[in-house]
Full PDB file with SEQRES, HELIX, SHEET, SSBOND, CRYST1, ORIGX, SCALE, CONECT and MASTER records, all heavy atoms in Angstrom:
SEQRES   1 A   35  GLY GLY LEU VAL GLN PRO GLY GLY SER LEU ARG LEU SER          
SEQRES   2 A   35  CYS ALA ALA SER GLY SER ILE PHE SER ILE TYR THR MET          
SEQRES   3 A   35  GLY TRP TYR ARG GLN ALA PRO GLY LYS                          
CRYST1    1.000    1.000    1.000  90.00  90.00  90.00 P 1           1          
ORIGX1      1.000000  0.000000  0.000000        0.00000                         
ORIGX2      0.000000  1.000000  0.000000        0.00000                         
ORIGX3      0.000000  0.000000  1.000000        0.00000                         
SCALE1      1.000000  0.000000  0.000000        0.00000                         
SCALE2      0.000000  1.000000  0.000000        0.00000                         
SCALE3      0.000000  0.000000  1.000000        0.00000                         
ATOM      1  N   GLY A   1      91.451  92.779  94.448  1.00  0.00           N  
ATOM      2  CA  GLY A   1      90.814  91.836  95.377  1.00  0.00           C  
ATOM      3  C   GLY A   1      91.155  90.420  95.072  1.00  0.00           C  
ATOM      4  O   GLY A   1      91.840  90.128  94.042  1.00  0.00           O  
ATOM      5  N   GLY A   2      90.886  89.497  96.011  1.00  0.00           N  
ATOM      6  CA  GLY A   2      91.262  88.182  95.896  1.00  0.00           C  
ATOM      7  C   GLY A   2      91.071  87.391  97.145  1.00  0.00           C  
ATOM      8  O   GLY A   2      90.477  87.833  98.144  1.00  0.00           O  
ATOM      9  N   LEU A   3      91.678  86.160  97.194  1.00  0.00           N  
ATOM     10  CA  LEU A   3      91.595  85.352  98.318  1.00  0.00           C  
ATOM     11  C   LEU A   3      92.968  85.299  99.032  1.00  0.00           C  
ATOM     12  O   LEU A   3      93.942  85.025  98.399  1.00  0.00           O  
ATOM     13  CB  LEU A   3      91.263  83.862  97.887  1.00  0.00           C  
ATOM     14  CG  LEU A   3      91.330  82.729  98.908  1.00  0.00           C  
ATOM     15  CD1 LEU A   3      90.288  83.031 100.070  1.00  0.00           C  
ATOM     16  CD2 LEU A   3      91.034  81.407  98.234  1.00  0.00           C  
ATOM     17  N   VAL A   4      92.969  85.478 100.342  1.00  0.00           N  
ATOM     18  CA  VAL A   4      94.186  85.521 101.187  1.00  0.00           C  
ATOM     19  C   VAL A   4      93.833  84.816 102.468  1.00  0.00           C  
ATOM     20  O   VAL A   4      92.804  84.709 102.928  1.00  0.00           O  
ATOM     21  CB  VAL A   4      94.742  86.868 101.438  1.00  0.00           C  
ATOM     22  CG1 VAL A   4      95.141  87.577 100.066  1.00  0.00           C  
ATOM     23  CG2 VAL A   4      93.698  87.723 102.093  1.00  0.00           C  
ATOM     24  N   GLN A   5      94.969  84.288 103.080  1.00  0.00           N  
ATOM     25  CA  GLN A   5      94.854  83.654 104.361  1.00  0.00           C  
ATOM     26  C   GLN A   5      94.854  84.699 105.442  1.00  0.00           C  
ATOM     27  O   GLN A   5      95.380  85.822 105.319  1.00  0.00           O  
ATOM     28  CB  GLN A   5      96.023  82.629 104.624  1.00  0.00           C  
ATOM     29  CG  GLN A   5      95.951  81.448 103.667  1.00  0.00           C  
ATOM     30  CD  GLN A   5      97.085  80.491 103.999  1.00  0.00           C  
ATOM     31  OE1 GLN A   5      98.059  80.810 104.544  1.00  0.00           O  
ATOM     32  NE2 GLN A   5      96.792  79.186 103.738  1.00  0.00           N  
ATOM     33  N   PRO A   6      94.239  84.408 106.688  1.00  0.00           N  
ATOM     34  CA  PRO A   6      94.347  85.322 107.759  1.00  0.00           C  
ATOM     35  C   PRO A   6      95.753  85.768 108.086  1.00  0.00           C  
ATOM     36  O   PRO A   6      96.720  84.928 108.004  1.00  0.00           O  
ATOM     37  CB  PRO A   6      93.773  84.530 108.910  1.00  0.00           C  
ATOM     38  CG  PRO A   6      92.833  83.556 108.235  1.00  0.00           C  
ATOM     39  CD  PRO A   6      93.517  83.138 106.932  1.00  0.00           C  
ATOM     40  N   GLY A   7      95.962  86.990 108.291  1.00  0.00           N  
ATOM     41  CA  GLY A   7      97.250  87.567 108.519  1.00  0.00           C  
ATOM     42  C   GLY A   7      97.980  88.069 107.272  1.00  0.00           C  
ATOM     43  O   GLY A   7      99.021  88.724 107.382  1.00  0.00           O  
ATOM     44  N   GLY A   8      97.424  87.817 106.101  1.00  0.00           N  
ATOM     45  CA  GLY A   8      98.017  88.201 104.836  1.00  0.00           C  
ATOM     46  C   GLY A   8      97.653  89.618 104.487  1.00  0.00           C  
ATOM     47  O   GLY A   8      97.003  90.360 105.243  1.00  0.00           O  
ATOM     48  N   SER A   9      98.052  89.991 103.288  1.00  0.00           N  
ATOM     49  CA  SER A   9      97.896  91.369 102.864  1.00  0.00           C  
ATOM     50  C   SER A   9      97.309  91.387 101.438  1.00  0.00           C  
ATOM     51  O   SER A   9      97.559  90.557 100.648  1.00  0.00           O  
ATOM     52  CB  SER A   9      99.179  92.093 102.868  1.00  0.00           C  
ATOM     53  OG  SER A   9      99.754  92.184 104.171  1.00  0.00           O  
ATOM     54  N   LEU A  10      96.632  92.474 101.155  1.00  0.00           N  
ATOM     55  CA  LEU A  10      96.139  92.861  99.808  1.00  0.00           C  
ATOM     56  C   LEU A  10      96.268  94.377  99.584  1.00  0.00           C  
ATOM     57  O   LEU A  10      96.181  95.122 100.569  1.00  0.00           O  
ATOM     58  CB  LEU A  10      94.738  92.384  99.556  1.00  0.00           C  
ATOM     59  CG  LEU A  10      94.390  90.915  99.283  1.00  0.00           C  
ATOM     60  CD1 LEU A  10      92.921  90.789  99.190  1.00  0.00           C  
ATOM     61  CD2 LEU A  10      95.001  90.480  97.988  1.00  0.00           C  
ATOM     62  N   ARG A  11      96.390  94.667  98.313  1.00  0.00           N  
ATOM     63  CA  ARG A  11      96.403  96.182  98.007  1.00  0.00           C  
ATOM     64  C   ARG A  11      95.261  96.385  96.998  1.00  0.00           C  
ATOM     65  O   ARG A  11      95.407  95.903  95.884  1.00  0.00           O  
ATOM     66  CB  ARG A  11      97.760  96.628  97.472  1.00  0.00           C  
ATOM     67  CG  ARG A  11      97.805  98.148  97.296  1.00  0.00           C  
ATOM     68  CD  ARG A  11      99.135  98.459  96.547  1.00  0.00           C  
ATOM     69  NE  ARG A  11      99.311  99.865  96.506  1.00  0.00           N  
ATOM     70  CZ  ARG A  11     100.014 100.498  95.476  1.00  0.00           C  
ATOM     71  NH1 ARG A  11     100.375  99.814  94.404  1.00  0.00           N  
ATOM     72  NH2 ARG A  11     100.121 101.847  95.527  1.00  0.00           N  
ATOM     73  N   LEU A  12      94.291  97.140  97.315  1.00  0.00           N  
ATOM     74  CA  LEU A  12      93.236  97.550  96.381  1.00  0.00           C  
ATOM     75  C   LEU A  12      93.556  98.867  95.701  1.00  0.00           C  
ATOM     76  O   LEU A  12      94.208  99.750  96.286  1.00  0.00           O  
ATOM     77  CB  LEU A  12      91.909  97.616  97.057  1.00  0.00           C  
ATOM     78  CG  LEU A  12      91.465  96.491  97.924  1.00  0.00           C  
ATOM     79  CD1 LEU A  12      90.062  96.709  98.529  1.00  0.00           C  
ATOM     80  CD2 LEU A  12      91.406  95.204  97.114  1.00  0.00           C  
ATOM     81  N   SER A  13      93.181  98.957  94.418  1.00  0.00           N  
ATOM     82  CA  SER A  13      93.335 100.239  93.628  1.00  0.00           C  
ATOM     83  C   SER A  13      91.996 100.606  93.054  1.00  0.00           C  
ATOM     84  O   SER A  13      91.155  99.762  92.687  1.00  0.00           O  
ATOM     85  CB  SER A  13      94.337 100.008  92.545  1.00  0.00           C  
ATOM     86  OG  SER A  13      95.588  99.664  93.037  1.00  0.00           O  
ATOM     87  N   CYS A  14      91.764 101.899  92.940  1.00  0.00           N  
ATOM     88  CA  CYS A  14      90.601 102.333  92.283  1.00  0.00           C  
ATOM     89  C   CYS A  14      91.013 103.617  91.447  1.00  0.00           C  
ATOM     90  O   CYS A  14      91.543 104.607  91.964  1.00  0.00           O  
ATOM     91  CB  CYS A  14      89.513 102.788  93.264  1.00  0.00           C  
ATOM     92  SG  CYS A  14      88.068 103.678  92.583  1.00  0.00           S  
ATOM     93  N   ALA A  15      90.795 103.506  90.102  1.00  0.00           N  
ATOM     94  CA  ALA A  15      91.171 104.524  89.223  1.00  0.00           C  
ATOM     95  C   ALA A  15      89.919 105.276  88.716  1.00  0.00           C  
ATOM     96  O   ALA A  15      88.997 104.604  88.167  1.00  0.00           O  
ATOM     97  CB  ALA A  15      91.939 103.974  88.015  1.00  0.00           C  
ATOM     98  N   ALA A  16      89.842 106.542  88.733  1.00  0.00           N  
ATOM     99  CA  ALA A  16      88.772 107.321  88.237  1.00  0.00           C  
ATOM    100  C   ALA A  16      89.134 107.976  86.945  1.00  0.00           C  
ATOM    101  O   ALA A  16      90.309 108.306  86.704  1.00  0.00           O  
ATOM    102  CB  ALA A  16      88.423 108.538  89.242  1.00  0.00           C  
ATOM    103  N   SER A  17      88.147 107.873  85.960  1.00  0.00           N  
ATOM    104  CA  SER A  17      88.368 108.443  84.625  1.00  0.00           C  
ATOM    105  C   SER A  17      87.146 109.068  84.088  1.00  0.00           C  
ATOM    106  O   SER A  17      86.007 108.830  84.607  1.00  0.00           O  
ATOM    107  CB  SER A  17      88.860 107.418  83.685  1.00  0.00           C  
ATOM    108  OG  SER A  17      87.937 106.306  83.539  1.00  0.00           O  
ATOM    109  N   GLY A  18      87.236 109.957  83.112  1.00  0.00           N  
ATOM    110  CA  GLY A  18      86.163 110.562  82.431  1.00  0.00           C  
ATOM    111  C   GLY A  18      86.197 112.149  82.601  1.00  0.00           C  
ATOM    112  O   GLY A  18      87.268 112.696  82.676  1.00  0.00           O  
ATOM    113  N   SER A  19      85.018 112.680  82.581  1.00  0.00           N  
ATOM    114  CA  SER A  19      84.948 114.198  82.554  1.00  0.00           C  
ATOM    115  C   SER A  19      85.072 114.701  83.986  1.00  0.00           C  
ATOM    116  O   SER A  19      84.042 115.206  84.556  1.00  0.00           O  
ATOM    117  CB  SER A  19      83.622 114.596  81.960  1.00  0.00           C  
ATOM    118  OG  SER A  19      83.476 114.094  80.623  1.00  0.00           O  
ATOM    119  N   ILE A  20      86.302 114.718  84.508  1.00  0.00           N  
ATOM    120  CA  ILE A  20      86.579 115.084  85.878  1.00  0.00           C  
ATOM    121  C   ILE A  20      87.342 116.466  85.906  1.00  0.00           C  
ATOM    122  O   ILE A  20      88.312 116.591  85.213  1.00  0.00           O  
ATOM    123  CB  ILE A  20      87.400 113.996  86.616  1.00  0.00           C  
ATOM    124  CG1 ILE A  20      86.559 112.706  86.597  1.00  0.00           C  
ATOM    125  CG2 ILE A  20      87.666 114.551  87.956  1.00  0.00           C  
ATOM    126  CD1 ILE A  20      87.386 111.568  87.214  1.00  0.00           C  
ATOM    127  N   PHE A  21      86.798 117.437  86.716  1.00  0.00           N  
ATOM    128  CA  PHE A  21      87.620 118.549  86.946  1.00  0.00           C  
ATOM    129  C   PHE A  21      88.569 118.470  88.118  1.00  0.00           C  
ATOM    130  O   PHE A  21      89.721 118.691  88.036  1.00  0.00           O  
ATOM    131  CB  PHE A  21      86.640 119.744  87.171  1.00  0.00           C  
ATOM    132  CG  PHE A  21      87.334 121.057  87.440  1.00  0.00           C  
ATOM    133  CD1 PHE A  21      87.977 121.746  86.408  1.00  0.00           C  
ATOM    134  CD2 PHE A  21      87.482 121.573  88.766  1.00  0.00           C  
ATOM    135  CE1 PHE A  21      88.671 122.998  86.733  1.00  0.00           C  
ATOM    136  CE2 PHE A  21      88.081 122.768  89.066  1.00  0.00           C  
ATOM    137  CZ  PHE A  21      88.670 123.432  87.962  1.00  0.00           C  
ATOM    138  N   SER A  22      87.976 117.941  89.232  1.00  0.00           N  
ATOM    139  CA  SER A  22      88.832 117.645  90.371  1.00  0.00           C  
ATOM    140  C   SER A  22      88.134 116.706  91.335  1.00  0.00           C  
ATOM    141  O   SER A  22      86.894 116.699  91.394  1.00  0.00           O  
ATOM    142  CB  SER A  22      89.203 118.952  91.169  1.00  0.00           C  
ATOM    143  OG  SER A  22      88.028 119.587  91.628  1.00  0.00           O  
ATOM    144  N   ILE A  23      88.887 115.915  92.083  1.00  0.00           N  
ATOM    145  CA  ILE A  23      88.321 114.936  92.984  1.00  0.00           C  
ATOM    146  C   ILE A  23      88.581 115.397  94.427  1.00  0.00           C  
ATOM    147  O   ILE A  23      89.804 115.654  94.834  1.00  0.00           O  
ATOM    148  CB  ILE A  23      88.897 113.546  92.842  1.00  0.00           C  
ATOM    149  CG1 ILE A  23      88.634 113.066  91.419  1.00  0.00           C  
ATOM    150  CG2 ILE A  23      88.264 112.615  93.880  1.00  0.00           C  
ATOM    151  CD1 ILE A  23      89.215 111.690  91.139  1.00  0.00           C  
ATOM    152  N   TYR A  24      87.533 115.666  95.191  1.00  0.00           N  
ATOM    153  CA  TYR A  24      87.696 116.166  96.579  1.00  0.00           C  
ATOM    154  C   TYR A  24      87.986 115.008  97.594  1.00  0.00           C  
ATOM    155  O   TYR A  24      89.003 115.033  98.262  1.00  0.00           O  
ATOM    156  CB  TYR A  24      86.422 116.954  96.944  1.00  0.00           C  
ATOM    157  CG  TYR A  24      86.585 117.593  98.367  1.00  0.00           C  
ATOM    158  CD1 TYR A  24      87.565 118.348  98.707  1.00  0.00           C  
ATOM    159  CD2 TYR A  24      85.636 117.246  99.280  1.00  0.00           C  
ATOM    160  CE1 TYR A  24      87.683 118.860  99.963  1.00  0.00           C  
ATOM    161  CE2 TYR A  24      85.686 117.756 100.584  1.00  0.00           C  
ATOM    162  CZ  TYR A  24      86.699 118.615 100.951  1.00  0.00           C  
ATOM    163  OH  TYR A  24      86.819 119.090 102.227  1.00  0.00           O  
ATOM    164  N   THR A  25      87.039 114.057  97.662  1.00  0.00           N  
ATOM    165  CA  THR A  25      87.131 113.004  98.563  1.00  0.00           C  
ATOM    166  C   THR A  25      87.051 111.654  97.855  1.00  0.00           C  
ATOM    167  O   THR A  25      86.180 111.526  96.984  1.00  0.00           O  
ATOM    168  CB  THR A  25      86.056 113.071  99.676  1.00  0.00           C  
ATOM    169  OG1 THR A  25      86.119 114.313 100.312  1.00  0.00           O  
ATOM    170  CG2 THR A  25      86.196 111.905 100.694  1.00  0.00           C  
ATOM    171  N   MET A  26      87.948 110.661  98.239  1.00  0.00           N  
ATOM    172  CA  MET A  26      87.775 109.387  97.796  1.00  0.00           C  
ATOM    173  C   MET A  26      87.790 108.431  99.001  1.00  0.00           C  
ATOM    174  O   MET A  26      88.357 108.736 100.026  1.00  0.00           O  
ATOM    175  CB  MET A  26      88.916 108.973  96.840  1.00  0.00           C  
ATOM    176  CG  MET A  26      89.073 109.862  95.577  1.00  0.00           C  
ATOM    177  SD  MET A  26      90.238 109.223  94.387  1.00  0.00           S  
ATOM    178  CE  MET A  26      89.390 107.932  93.606  1.00  0.00           C  
ATOM    179  N   GLY A  27      87.162 107.356  98.875  1.00  0.00           N  
ATOM    180  CA  GLY A  27      87.060 106.393 100.010  1.00  0.00           C  
ATOM    181  C   GLY A  27      86.759 104.978  99.594  1.00  0.00           C  
ATOM    182  O   GLY A  27      86.468 104.693  98.408  1.00  0.00           O  
ATOM    183  N   TRP A  28      86.845 104.147 100.601  1.00  0.00           N  
ATOM    184  CA  TRP A  28      86.583 102.720 100.427  1.00  0.00           C  
ATOM    185  C   TRP A  28      85.360 102.380 101.396  1.00  0.00           C  
ATOM    186  O   TRP A  28      85.459 102.674 102.653  1.00  0.00           O  
ATOM    187  CB  TRP A  28      87.782 101.799 100.684  1.00  0.00           C  
ATOM    188  CG  TRP A  28      88.802 101.952  99.562  1.00  0.00           C  
ATOM    189  CD1 TRP A  28      89.950 102.787  99.624  1.00  0.00           C  
ATOM    190  CD2 TRP A  28      88.806 101.283  98.399  1.00  0.00           C  
ATOM    191  NE1 TRP A  28      90.682 102.638  98.491  1.00  0.00           N  
ATOM    192  CE2 TRP A  28      89.980 101.698  97.714  1.00  0.00           C  
ATOM    193  CE3 TRP A  28      88.003 100.225  97.786  1.00  0.00           C  
ATOM    194  CZ2 TRP A  28      90.393 101.165  96.457  1.00  0.00           C  
ATOM    195  CZ3 TRP A  28      88.364  99.747  96.595  1.00  0.00           C  
ATOM    196  CH2 TRP A  28      89.561 100.206  95.971  1.00  0.00           C  
ATOM    197  N   TYR A  29      84.479 101.551 100.927  1.00  0.00           N  
ATOM    198  CA  TYR A  29      83.322 101.018 101.697  1.00  0.00           C  
ATOM    199  C   TYR A  29      83.355  99.523 101.478  1.00  0.00           C  
ATOM    200  O   TYR A  29      83.900  99.070 100.491  1.00  0.00           O  
ATOM    201  CB  TYR A  29      82.013 101.644 101.277  1.00  0.00           C  
ATOM    202  CG  TYR A  29      81.896 103.148 101.569  1.00  0.00           C  
ATOM    203  CD1 TYR A  29      82.582 104.089 100.832  1.00  0.00           C  
ATOM    204  CD2 TYR A  29      81.106 103.563 102.623  1.00  0.00           C  
ATOM    205  CE1 TYR A  29      82.491 105.447 101.146  1.00  0.00           C  
ATOM    206  CE2 TYR A  29      80.976 104.940 102.900  1.00  0.00           C  
ATOM    207  CZ  TYR A  29      81.658 105.846 102.123  1.00  0.00           C  
ATOM    208  OH  TYR A  29      81.562 107.144 102.474  1.00  0.00           O  
ATOM    209  N   ARG A  30      82.698  98.838 102.336  1.00  0.00           N  
ATOM    210  CA  ARG A  30      82.585  97.344 102.171  1.00  0.00           C  
ATOM    211  C   ARG A  30      81.235  96.931 102.640  1.00  0.00           C  
ATOM    212  O   ARG A  30      80.587  97.445 103.493  1.00  0.00           O  
ATOM    213  CB  ARG A  30      83.722  96.638 102.894  1.00  0.00           C  
ATOM    214  CG  ARG A  30      83.579  96.754 104.471  1.00  0.00           C  
ATOM    215  CD  ARG A  30      84.872  96.066 104.982  1.00  0.00           C  
ATOM    216  NE  ARG A  30      84.837  96.109 106.502  1.00  0.00           N  
ATOM    217  CZ  ARG A  30      85.821  95.661 107.275  1.00  0.00           C  
ATOM    218  NH1 ARG A  30      86.984  95.281 106.698  1.00  0.00           N  
ATOM    219  NH2 ARG A  30      85.702  95.738 108.557  1.00  0.00           N  
ATOM    220  N   GLN A  31      80.860  95.772 102.039  1.00  0.00           N  
ATOM    221  CA  GLN A  31      79.565  95.184 102.392  1.00  0.00           C  
ATOM    222  C   GLN A  31      79.778  93.606 102.420  1.00  0.00           C  
ATOM    223  O   GLN A  31      80.065  92.950 101.501  1.00  0.00           O  
ATOM    224  CB  GLN A  31      78.509  95.467 101.353  1.00  0.00           C  
ATOM    225  CG  GLN A  31      77.072  95.048 101.668  1.00  0.00           C  
ATOM    226  CD  GLN A  31      76.042  95.604 100.880  1.00  0.00           C  
ATOM    227  OE1 GLN A  31      76.275  96.039  99.783  1.00  0.00           O  
ATOM    228  NE2 GLN A  31      74.778  95.659 101.425  1.00  0.00           N  
ATOM    229  N   ALA A  32      79.530  93.053 103.558  1.00  0.00           N  
ATOM    230  CA  ALA A  32      79.583  91.628 103.866  1.00  0.00           C  
ATOM    231  C   ALA A  32      78.289  91.013 103.617  1.00  0.00           C  
ATOM    232  O   ALA A  32      77.175  91.717 103.692  1.00  0.00           O  
ATOM    233  CB  ALA A  32      80.132  91.328 105.223  1.00  0.00           C  
ATOM    234  N   PRO A  33      78.193  89.753 103.341  1.00  0.00           N  
ATOM    235  CA  PRO A  33      76.890  89.071 103.130  1.00  0.00           C  
ATOM    236  C   PRO A  33      75.883  89.307 104.259  1.00  0.00           C  
ATOM    237  O   PRO A  33      76.290  89.107 105.385  1.00  0.00           O  
ATOM    238  CB  PRO A  33      77.220  87.560 102.954  1.00  0.00           C  
ATOM    239  CG  PRO A  33      78.564  87.613 102.433  1.00  0.00           C  
ATOM    240  CD  PRO A  33      79.261  88.751 103.133  1.00  0.00           C  
ATOM    241  N   GLY A  34      74.704  89.686 104.031  1.00  0.00           N  
ATOM    242  CA  GLY A  34      73.690  89.906 104.998  1.00  0.00           C  
ATOM    243  C   GLY A  34      73.848  91.199 105.871  1.00  0.00           C  
ATOM    244  O   GLY A  34      73.118  91.430 106.845  1.00  0.00           O  
ATOM    245  N   LYS A  35      74.906  92.056 105.573  1.00  0.00           N  
ATOM    246  CA  LYS A  35      75.132  93.232 106.291  1.00  0.00           C  
ATOM    247  C   LYS A  35      74.952  94.436 105.464  1.00  0.00           C  
ATOM    248  O   LYS A  35      75.048  94.378 104.154  1.00  0.00           O  
ATOM    249  CB  LYS A  35      76.475  93.212 106.942  1.00  0.00           C  
ATOM    250  CG  LYS A  35      76.648  92.057 107.951  1.00  0.00           C  
ATOM    251  CD  LYS A  35      77.955  92.150 108.598  1.00  0.00           C  
ATOM    252  CE  LYS A  35      78.192  91.029 109.658  1.00  0.00           C  
ATOM    253  NZ  LYS A  35      79.493  91.077 110.313  1.00  0.00           N  
TER     254      LYS A  35                                                      
MASTER        0    0    0    0    0    0    0    6  253    1    0    3          
END                                                                             
């Protein structure tokens, strides 16, 4: 994450670790202030 100008790009990453057998579904959610 970070600060970018309109029209710019970012790449988010999420790494899972621990006692995992298999991951079925992964996803991204977001929450804006007041929403």
